[in-house]
PDB file of N, CA and C in Angstrom:
ATOM      1  N   MET A   1     -14.333 -10.629 -24.270  1.00  0.00           N
ATOM      2  CA  MET A   1     -13.306 -10.960 -23.767  1.00  0.00           C
ATOM      3  C   MET A   1     -13.612 -10.825 -22.152  1.00  0.00           C
ATOM      4  N   MET A   2     -12.058 -11.511 -21.544  1.00  0.00           N
ATOM      5  CA  MET A   2     -12.202 -11.383 -20.042  1.00  0.00           C
ATOM      6  C   MET A   2     -11.581 -10.280 -19.406  1.00  0.00           C
ATOM      7  N   THR A   3     -12.444  -9.930 -18.577  1.00  0.00           N
ATOM      8  CA  THR A   3     -11.633  -8.826 -17.758  1.00  0.00           C
ATOM      9  C   THR A   3     -11.197  -9.346 -16.529  1.00  0.00           C
ATOM     10  N   SER A   4      -9.568  -8.911 -15.990  1.00  0.00           N
ATOM     11  CA  SER A   4      -9.080  -9.650 -14.972  1.00  0.00           C
ATOM     12  C   SER A   4      -9.060  -8.768 -13.472  1.00  0.00           C
ATOM     13  N   VAL A   5      -9.411  -9.103 -12.509  1.00  0.00           N
ATOM     14  CA  VAL A   5      -9.122  -8.521 -11.498  1.00  0.00           C
ATOM     15  C   VAL A   5      -7.828  -7.720 -11.280  1.00  0.00           C
ATOM     16  N   PRO A   6      -8.164  -6.745 -10.775  1.00  0.00           N
ATOM     17  CA  PRO A   6      -6.713  -5.937 -10.661  1.00  0.00           C
ATOM     18  C   PRO A   6      -5.875  -5.912  -9.521  1.00  0.00           C
ATOM     19  N   SER A   7      -4.453  -6.208  -9.250  1.00  0.00           N
ATOM     20  CA  SER A   7      -3.885  -6.773  -8.945  1.00  0.00           C
ATOM     21  C   SER A   7      -3.659  -5.419  -7.627  1.00  0.00           C
ATOM     22  N   LYS A   8      -3.033  -6.396  -6.489  1.00  0.00           N
ATOM     23  CA  LYS A   8      -2.683  -5.167  -5.458  1.00  0.00           C
ATOM     24  C   LYS A   8      -2.425  -4.086  -5.867  1.00  0.00           C
ATOM     25  N   ILE A   9      -0.771  -4.362  -6.347  1.00  0.00           N
ATOM     26  CA  ILE A   9      -0.009  -3.278  -7.185  1.00  0.00           C
ATOM     27  C   ILE A   9      -0.412  -2.778  -7.681  1.00  0.00           C
ATOM     28  N   PHE A  10      -1.341  -2.660  -8.983  1.00  0.00           N
ATOM     29  CA  PHE A  10      -2.163  -1.976  -9.556  1.00  0.00           C
ATOM     30  C   PHE A  10      -3.194  -0.888  -8.813  1.00  0.00           C
ATOM     31  N   LEU A  11      -3.747  -1.464  -8.020  1.00  0.00           N
ATOM     32  CA  LEU A  11      -4.294  -0.779  -6.590  1.00  0.00           C
ATOM     33  C   LEU A  11      -3.446   0.230  -6.091  1.00  0.00           C
ATOM     34  N   ASN A  12      -2.799   0.162  -5.470  1.00  0.00           N
ATOM     35  CA  ASN A  12      -1.669   1.140  -4.730  1.00  0.00           C
ATOM     36  C   ASN A  12      -0.889   1.805  -5.793  1.00  0.00           C
ATOM     37  N   VAL A  13      -0.790   1.570  -6.986  1.00  0.00           N
ATOM     38  CA  VAL A  13      -0.143   2.667  -7.903  1.00  0.00           C
ATOM     39  C   VAL A  13      -1.371   3.272  -8.052  1.00  0.00           C
ATOM     40  N   ARG A  14      -2.499   2.977  -8.896  1.00  0.00           N
ATOM     41  CA  ARG A  14      -3.717   4.054  -8.805  1.00  0.00           C
ATOM     42  C   ARG A  14      -3.739   5.078  -7.998  1.00  0.00           C
ATOM     43  N   GLU A  15      -3.927   4.262  -6.524  1.00  0.00           N
ATOM     44  CA  GLU A  15      -4.172   5.209  -5.264  1.00  0.00           C
ATOM     45  C   GLU A  15      -3.352   6.175  -5.077  1.00  0.00           C
ATOM     46  N   THR A  16      -1.872   5.942  -5.377  1.00  0.00           N
ATOM     47  CA  THR A  16      -0.840   6.829  -5.249  1.00  0.00           C
ATOM     48  C   THR A  16      -0.898   7.748  -6.178  1.00  0.00           C
ATOM     49  N   VAL A  17      -0.799   7.310  -7.622  1.00  0.00           N
ATOM     50  CA  VAL A  17      -1.246   8.349  -8.453  1.00  0.00           C
ATOM     51  C   VAL A  17      -2.275   9.498  -8.783  1.00  0.00           C
ATOM     52  N   ILE A  18      -3.764   9.021  -7.709  1.00  0.00           N
ATOM     53  CA  ILE A  18      -4.764   9.933  -7.533  1.00  0.00           C
ATOM     54  C   ILE A  18      -4.030  10.598  -5.896  1.00  0.00           C
ATOM     55  N   GLU A  19      -3.564  10.199  -5.265  1.00  0.00           N
ATOM     56  CA  GLU A  19      -3.386  10.873  -3.939  1.00  0.00           C
ATOM     57  C   GLU A  19      -2.210  12.095  -4.110  1.00  0.00           C
ATOM     58  N   THR A  20      -1.109  11.939  -4.868  1.00  0.00           N
ATOM     59  CA  THR A  20      -0.022  12.606  -4.874  1.00  0.00           C
ATOM     60  C   THR A  20      -0.354  13.600  -5.713  1.00  0.00           C
ATOM     61  N   LEU A  21      -1.871  13.318  -6.962  1.00  0.00           N
ATOM     62  CA  LEU A  21      -1.574  14.267  -8.178  1.00  0.00           C
ATOM     63  C   LEU A  21      -2.813  15.193  -7.875  1.00  0.00           C
ATOM     64  N   GLY A  22      -3.078  14.793  -6.447  1.00  0.00           N
ATOM     65  CA  GLY A  22      -4.781  15.794  -6.151  1.00  0.00           C
ATOM     66  C   GLY A  22      -5.786  15.410  -6.944  1.00  0.00           C
ATOM     67  N   LEU A  23      -6.120  14.412  -7.551  1.00  0.00           N
ATOM     68  CA  LEU A  23      -7.138  14.300  -8.563  1.00  0.00           C
ATOM     69  C   LEU A  23      -8.371  14.202  -8.142  1.00  0.00           C
ATOM     70  N   SER A  24      -9.395  14.721  -8.695  1.00  0.00           N
ATOM     71  CA  SER A  24     -10.641  14.559  -7.748  1.00  0.00           C
ATOM     72  C   SER A  24     -11.796  13.973  -8.417  1.00  0.00           C
ATOM     73  N   MET A  25     -11.206  12.503  -8.117  1.00  0.00           N
ATOM     74  CA  MET A  25     -11.782  11.534  -9.512  1.00  0.00           C
ATOM     75  C   MET A  25     -12.193  10.269  -8.688  1.00  0.00           C
ATOM     76  N   PRO A  26     -13.068   9.346  -8.927  1.00  0.00           N
ATOM     77  CA  PRO A  26     -13.107   8.274  -8.448  1.00  0.00           C
ATOM     78  C   PRO A  26     -12.009   7.084  -8.672  1.00  0.00           C
ATOM     79  N   PRO A  27     -11.955   6.404  -8.145  1.00  0.00           N
ATOM     80  CA  PRO A  27     -10.715   5.520  -8.528  1.00  0.00           C
ATOM     81  C   PRO A  27     -10.604   4.618 -10.079  1.00  0.00           C
ATOM     82  N   SER A  28     -12.587   4.554  -9.120  1.00  0.00           N
ATOM     83  CA  SER A  28     -12.813   3.152 -10.522  1.00  0.00           C
ATOM     84  C   SER A  28     -12.366   3.750 -12.230  1.00  0.00           C
ATOM     85  N   VAL A  29     -12.378   5.485 -12.413  1.00  0.00           N
ATOM     86  CA  VAL A  29     -12.315   5.830 -13.828  1.00  0.00           C
ATOM     87  C   VAL A  29     -11.022   5.105 -14.563  1.00  0.00           C
ATOM     88  N   LEU A  30      -9.989   5.266 -13.704  1.00  0.00           N
ATOM     89  CA  LEU A  30      -8.642   5.078 -13.914  1.00  0.00           C
ATOM     90  C   LEU A  30      -8.688   3.169 -13.982  1.00  0.00           C
ATOM     91  N   ASP A  31      -8.245   3.005 -14.718  1.00  0.00           N
ATOM     92  CA  ASP A  31      -7.960   1.572 -15.204  1.00  0.00           C
ATOM     93  C   ASP A  31      -6.822   1.219 -15.811  1.00  0.00           C
ATOM     94  N   GLN A  32      -6.330  -0.001 -15.897  1.00  0.00           N
ATOM     95  CA  GLN A  32      -4.958  -0.110 -17.069  1.00  0.00           C
ATOM     96  C   GLN A  32      -4.892   0.945 -18.411  1.00  0.00           C
ATOM     97  N   ASP A  33      -5.469   0.862 -18.628  1.00  0.00           N
ATOM     98  CA  ASP A  33      -5.126   1.449 -20.333  1.00  0.00           C
ATOM     99  C   ASP A  33      -5.881   2.786 -19.995  1.00  0.00           C
ATOM    100  N   SER A  34      -5.554   3.672 -18.957  1.00  0.00           N
ATOM    101  CA  SER A  34      -6.082   5.080 -19.212  1.00  0.00           C
ATOM    102  C   SER A  34      -4.703   5.667 -19.502  1.00  0.00           C
ATOM    103  N   PRO A  35      -4.678   6.512 -19.824  1.00  0.00           N
ATOM    104  CA  PRO A  35      -3.440   7.207 -20.351  1.00  0.00           C
ATOM    105  C   PRO A  35      -3.204   8.339 -19.620  1.00  0.00           C
ATOM    106  N   LEU A  36      -1.287   8.572 -19.062  1.00  0.00           N
ATOM    107  CA  LEU A  36      -1.330   9.443 -18.043  1.00  0.00           C
ATOM    108  C   LEU A  36      -0.760  10.649 -18.865  1.00  0.00           C
ATOM    109  N   LEU A  37       0.164  10.417 -19.189  1.00  0.00           N
ATOM    110  CA  LEU A  37       1.918  11.651 -19.695  1.00  0.00           C
ATOM    111  C   LEU A  37       0.466  12.097 -20.653  1.00  0.00           C
ATOM    112  N   GLY A  38       0.196  13.450 -20.627  1.00  0.00           N
ATOM    113  CA  GLY A  38      -0.317  14.659 -21.529  1.00  0.00           C
ATOM    114  C   GLY A  38      -1.781  14.348 -21.638  1.00  0.00           C
ATOM    115  N   GLU A  39      -2.499  13.772 -20.732  1.00  0.00           N
ATOM    116  CA  GLU A  39      -3.739  13.220 -20.759  1.00  0.00           C
ATOM    117  C   GLU A  39      -4.098  14.019 -19.411  1.00  0.00           C
ATOM    118  N   ILE A  40      -3.265  13.863 -18.263  1.00  0.00           N
ATOM    119  CA  ILE A  40      -3.617  13.979 -16.760  1.00  0.00           C
ATOM    120  C   ILE A  40      -2.849  15.532 -16.522  1.00  0.00           C
ATOM    121  N   PRO A  41      -3.237  17.061 -16.670  1.00  0.00           N
ATOM    122  CA  PRO A  41      -2.187  17.872 -16.664  1.00  0.00           C
ATOM    123  C   PRO A  41      -1.617  18.176 -15.861  1.00  0.00           C
ATOM    124  N   GLU A  42      -2.273  17.585 -14.456  1.00  0.00           N
ATOM    125  CA  GLU A  42      -1.364  17.067 -13.018  1.00  0.00           C
ATOM    126  C   GLU A  42      -0.285  17.011 -12.929  1.00  0.00           C
ATOM    127  N   LEU A  43       0.286  16.052 -14.133  1.00  0.00           N
ATOM    128  CA  LEU A  43       1.427  15.193 -14.645  1.00  0.00           C
ATOM    129  C   LEU A  43       2.050  16.138 -15.135  1.00  0.00           C
ATOM    130  N   ASP A  44       2.606  17.185 -14.950  1.00  0.00           N
ATOM    131  CA  ASP A  44       3.332  17.816 -15.330  1.00  0.00           C
ATOM    132  C   ASP A  44       4.700  17.399 -15.275  1.00  0.00           C
ATOM    133  N   SER A  45       5.943  18.014 -15.114  1.00  0.00           N
ATOM    134  CA  SER A  45       7.399  17.672 -14.736  1.00  0.00           C
ATOM    135  C   SER A  45       7.275  17.792 -13.580  1.00  0.00           C
ATOM    136  N   MET A  46       6.838  18.535 -12.785  1.00  0.00           N
ATOM    137  CA  MET A  46       6.884  18.352 -10.993  1.00  0.00           C
ATOM    138  C   MET A  46       5.992  17.101 -11.190  1.00  0.00           C
ATOM    139  N   GLY A  47       5.002  17.155 -11.301  1.00  0.00           N
ATOM    140  CA  GLY A  47       3.926  15.590 -10.772  1.00  0.00           C
ATOM    141  C   GLY A  47       4.642  14.777 -11.003  1.00  0.00           C
ATOM    142  N   VAL A  48       5.586  14.566 -12.163  1.00  0.00           N
ATOM    143  CA  VAL A  48       6.461  13.298 -12.243  1.00  0.00           C
ATOM    144  C   VAL A  48       7.145  12.960 -11.493  1.00  0.00           C
ATOM    145  N   VAL A  49       8.135  13.861 -10.823  1.00  0.00           N
ATOM    146  CA  VAL A  49       8.805  13.730 -10.336  1.00  0.00           C
ATOM    147  C   VAL A  49       8.370  13.744  -8.300  1.00  0.00           C
ATOM    148  N   LEU A  50       7.053  14.582  -8.142  1.00  0.00           N
ATOM    149  CA  LEU A  50       6.720  14.207  -6.859  1.00  0.00           C
ATOM    150  C   LEU A  50       6.150  12.556  -7.159  1.00  0.00           C
ATOM    151  N   LEU A  51       5.714  12.508  -7.628  1.00  0.00           N
ATOM    152  CA  LEU A  51       4.760  10.476  -8.482  1.00  0.00           C
ATOM    153  C   LEU A  51       5.861   9.412  -8.322  1.00  0.00           C
ATOM    154  N   LEU A  52       7.160   9.700  -8.775  1.00  0.00           N
ATOM    155  CA  LEU A  52       8.092   8.475  -8.689  1.00  0.00           C
ATOM    156  C   LEU A  52       8.488   8.930  -7.027  1.00  0.00           C
ATOM    157  N   THR A  53       8.463   9.894  -6.324  1.00  0.00           N
ATOM    158  CA  THR A  53       9.207  10.019  -4.780  1.00  0.00           C
ATOM    159  C   THR A  53       8.085   9.327  -4.287  1.00  0.00           C
ATOM    160  N   ALA A  54       6.853   9.642  -4.458  1.00  0.00           N
ATOM    161  CA  ALA A  54       5.936   8.472  -3.609  1.00  0.00           C
ATOM    162  C   ALA A  54       5.768   7.305  -3.596  1.00  0.00           C
ATOM    163  N   LEU A  55       5.986   6.832  -4.813  1.00  0.00           N
ATOM    164  CA  LEU A  55       6.081   5.946  -5.695  1.00  0.00           C
ATOM    165  C   LEU A  55       7.234   4.328  -4.837  1.00  0.00           C
ATOM    166  N   GLU A  56       8.469   5.633  -4.618  1.00  0.00           N
ATOM    167  CA  GLU A  56       9.724   4.726  -4.368  1.00  0.00           C
ATOM    168  C   GLU A  56       9.148   4.423  -2.726  1.00  0.00           C
ATOM    169  N   ALA A  57       8.247   5.553  -1.668  1.00  0.00           N
ATOM    170  CA  ALA A  57       8.270   5.348  -0.681  1.00  0.00           C
ATOM    171  C   ALA A  57       7.323   4.505  -0.590  1.00  0.00           C
ATOM    172  N   ARG A  58       6.376   4.627  -0.979  1.00  0.00           N
ATOM    173  CA  ARG A  58       5.143   3.843  -0.830  1.00  0.00           C
ATOM    174  C   ARG A  58       5.726   1.823  -1.087  1.00  0.00           C
ATOM    175  N   PHE A  59       6.474   1.568  -2.514  1.00  0.00           N
ATOM    176  CA  PHE A  59       7.039   0.536  -2.548  1.00  0.00           C
ATOM    177  C   PHE A  59       8.497  -0.203  -1.725  1.00  0.00           C
ATOM    178  N   GLY A  60       8.973   1.193  -1.000  1.00  0.00           N
ATOM    179  CA  GLY A  60      10.294   0.952  -0.803  1.00  0.00           C
ATOM    180  C   GLY A  60      11.525   0.288  -1.751  1.00  0.00           C
ATOM    181  N   LEU A  61      10.838   1.501  -3.022  1.00  0.00           N
ATOM    182  CA  LEU A  61      12.251   1.186  -3.754  1.00  0.00           C
ATOM    183  C   LEU A  61      13.251   2.973  -4.069  1.00  0.00           C
ATOM    184  N   THR A  62      14.234   2.402  -4.853  1.00  0.00           N
ATOM    185  CA  THR A  62      15.263   2.962  -5.356  1.00  0.00           C
ATOM    186  C   THR A  62      14.803   3.582  -6.494  1.00  0.00           C
ATOM    187  N   LEU A  63      14.226   4.255  -7.152  1.00  0.00           N
ATOM    188  CA  LEU A  63      15.056   4.641  -8.703  1.00  0.00           C
ATOM    189  C   LEU A  63      16.167   5.586  -9.388  1.00  0.00           C
ATOM    190  N   SER A  64      16.748   5.024 -10.046  1.00  0.00           N
ATOM    191  CA  SER A  64      17.486   5.691 -10.511  1.00  0.00           C
ATOM    192  C   SER A  64      17.204   6.202 -11.842  1.00  0.00           C
ATOM    193  N   ASP A  65      17.898   7.241 -11.988  1.00  0.00           N
ATOM    194  CA  ASP A  65      17.345   8.335 -13.158  1.00  0.00           C
ATOM    195  C   ASP A  65      17.550   7.869 -14.088  1.00  0.00           C
ATOM    196  N   ASP A  66      18.609   6.876 -14.476  1.00  0.00           N
ATOM    197  CA  ASP A  66      19.332   6.365 -15.580  1.00  0.00           C
ATOM    198  C   ASP A  66      17.693   5.219 -16.154  1.00  0.00           C
ATOM    199  N   GLU A  67      17.180   4.601 -15.181  1.00  0.00           N
ATOM    200  CA  GLU A  67      16.052   3.478 -15.401  1.00  0.00           C
ATOM    201  C   GLU A  67      15.109   4.291 -15.979  1.00  0.00           C
ATOM    202  N   ILE A  68      14.635   5.227 -15.168  1.00  0.00           N
ATOM    203  CA  ILE A  68      12.837   6.068 -15.773  1.00  0.00           C
ATOM    204  C   ILE A  68      13.524   6.175 -16.724  1.00  0.00           C
ATOM    205  N   ASP A  69      11.953   6.065 -17.647  1.00  0.00           N
ATOM    206  CA  ASP A  69      11.878   6.221 -18.850  1.00  0.00           C
ATOM    207  C   ASP A  69      10.137   6.826 -19.324  1.00  0.00           C
ATOM    208  N   SER A  70      10.268   8.090 -19.780  1.00  0.00           N
ATOM    209  CA  SER A  70       8.647   8.266 -20.358  1.00  0.00           C
ATOM    210  C   SER A  70       7.696   7.510 -20.908  1.00  0.00           C
ATOM    211  N   GLU A  71       8.114   6.377 -21.327  1.00  0.00           N
ATOM    212  CA  GLU A  71       7.178   4.850 -21.615  1.00  0.00           C
ATOM    213  C   GLU A  71       6.111   4.851 -20.274  1.00  0.00           C
ATOM    214  N   TRP A  72       6.793   4.843 -19.166  1.00  0.00           N
ATOM    215  CA  TRP A  72       6.407   4.187 -18.196  1.00  0.00           C
ATOM    216  C   TRP A  72       4.711   4.872 -17.345  1.00  0.00           C
ATOM    217  N   PHE A  73       5.146   6.114 -18.176  1.00  0.00           N
ATOM    218  CA  PHE A  73       4.137   7.041 -18.157  1.00  0.00           C
ATOM    219  C   PHE A  73       2.847   7.091 -18.792  1.00  0.00           C
ATOM    220  N   ARG A  74       3.044   6.323 -20.415  1.00  0.00           N
ATOM    221  CA  ARG A  74       1.844   6.267 -20.965  1.00  0.00           C
ATOM    222  C   ARG A  74       0.035   5.901 -20.516  1.00  0.00           C
ATOM    223  N   THR A  75       0.125   4.680 -19.208  1.00  0.00           N
ATOM    224  CA  THR A  75      -0.744   4.651 -18.886  1.00  0.00           C
ATOM    225  C   THR A  75      -0.342   4.202 -17.918  1.00  0.00           C
ATOM    226  N   LEU A  76      -1.673   3.682 -16.869  1.00  0.00           N
ATOM    227  CA  LEU A  76      -1.688   3.432 -15.817  1.00  0.00           C
ATOM    228  C   LEU A  76      -1.030   2.348 -15.292  1.00  0.00           C
ATOM    229  N   GLY A  77      -1.179   1.130 -16.866  1.00  0.00           N
ATOM    230  CA  GLY A  77      -1.198  -0.064 -16.862  1.00  0.00           C
ATOM    231  C   GLY A  77       0.503   0.185 -16.760  1.00  0.00           C
ATOM    232  N   THR A  78       1.081   0.557 -17.860  1.00  0.00           N
ATOM    233  CA  THR A  78       2.551   0.430 -17.774  1.00  0.00           C
ATOM    234  C   THR A  78       3.361   1.202 -16.811  1.00  0.00           C
ATOM    235  N   LEU A  79       2.646   1.999 -16.216  1.00  0.00           N
ATOM    236  CA  LEU A  79       3.402   2.273 -14.730  1.00  0.00           C
ATOM    237  C   LEU A  79       3.185   1.294 -13.753  1.00  0.00           C
ATOM    238  N   THR A  80       2.337   0.553 -13.741  1.00  0.00           N
ATOM    239  CA  THR A  80       2.122  -0.819 -12.512  1.00  0.00           C
ATOM    240  C   THR A  80       3.257  -1.561 -12.967  1.00  0.00           C
ATOM    241  N   GLU A  81       3.532  -1.857 -14.704  1.00  0.00           N
ATOM    242  CA  GLU A  81       4.449  -2.723 -14.983  1.00  0.00           C
ATOM    243  C   GLU A  81       5.933  -2.020 -14.524  1.00  0.00           C
ATOM    244  N   ALA A  82       6.565  -0.249 -14.945  1.00  0.00           N
ATOM    245  CA  ALA A  82       7.069  -0.851 -14.122  1.00  0.00           C
ATOM    246  C   ALA A  82       7.913  -0.495 -12.914  1.00  0.00           C
ATOM    247  N   ILE A  83       6.758  -0.475 -11.901  1.00  0.00           N
ATOM    248  CA  ILE A  83       6.958  -0.601 -10.552  1.00  0.00           C
ATOM    249  C   ILE A  83       7.564  -2.058 -10.482  1.00  0.00           C
ATOM    250  N   GLU A  84       6.307  -3.191 -11.066  1.00  0.00           N
ATOM    251  CA  GLU A  84       6.236  -3.985 -10.514  1.00  0.00           C
ATOM    252  C   GLU A  84       7.223  -5.288 -10.927  1.00  0.00           C
ATOM    253  N   VAL A  85       7.722  -4.744 -11.609  1.00  0.00           N
ATOM    254  CA  VAL A  85       8.958  -5.896 -12.395  1.00  0.00           C
ATOM    255  C   VAL A  85      10.388  -5.260 -11.586  1.00  0.00           C
ATOM    256  N   ARG A  86      10.194  -4.017 -10.943  1.00  0.00           N
ATOM    257  CA  ARG A  86      11.576  -3.944  -9.441  1.00  0.00           C
ATOM    258  C   ARG A  86      11.262  -3.939  -8.279  1.00  0.00           C
ATOM    259  N   LEU A  87       9.862  -4.780  -8.194  1.00  0.00           N
ATOM    260  CA  LEU A  87       9.808  -4.946  -7.062  1.00  0.00           C
ATOM    261  C   LEU A  87      10.834  -6.919  -6.199  1.00  0.00           C
ATOM    262  N   PRO A  88      10.885  -6.386  -5.158  1.00  0.00           N
ATOM    263  CA  PRO A  88      11.532  -8.118  -4.952  1.00  0.00           C
ATOM    264  C   PRO A  88      10.617  -9.290  -5.125  1.00  0.00           C
ATOM    265  N   GLN A  89      10.536 -10.238  -5.776  1.00  0.00           N
ATOM    266  CA  GLN A  89      10.047 -11.289  -5.704  1.00  0.00           C
ATOM    267  C   GLN A  89       9.540 -11.916  -4.415  1.00  0.00           C
ATOM    268  N   ALA A  90       8.609 -12.394  -4.252  1.00  0.00           N
ATOM    269  CA  ALA A  90       8.282 -13.253  -2.794  1.00  0.00           C
ATOM    270  C   ALA A  90       8.485 -14.431  -3.451  1.00  0.00           C
ATOM    271  N   ASP A  91       8.626 -15.317  -2.674  1.00  0.00           N
ATOM    272  CA  ASP A  91       9.215 -16.461  -2.959  1.00  0.00           C
ATOM    273  C   ASP A  91       7.864 -17.453  -2.294  1.00  0.00           C
TER     274      ASP A  91
END
């Protein structure tokens, strides 16, 4: 199995998760497959709101309530993908 180098977006999402939720763990503990919702106690309903706000600020996005899905928070990879597809594409 080939290990891919984490994207800059993934690294920024991971850093935002750790900072926003006040997690006391080294970033290397969290990878693409790390479960979030239901596994990280700090990611409760208020944690989700704080994290979404922090991600909007960090990536310059505006997320509407009707597009946000609990599936986004299944793993760090699914959260990264949800953000990535909403970023303006660089030409």
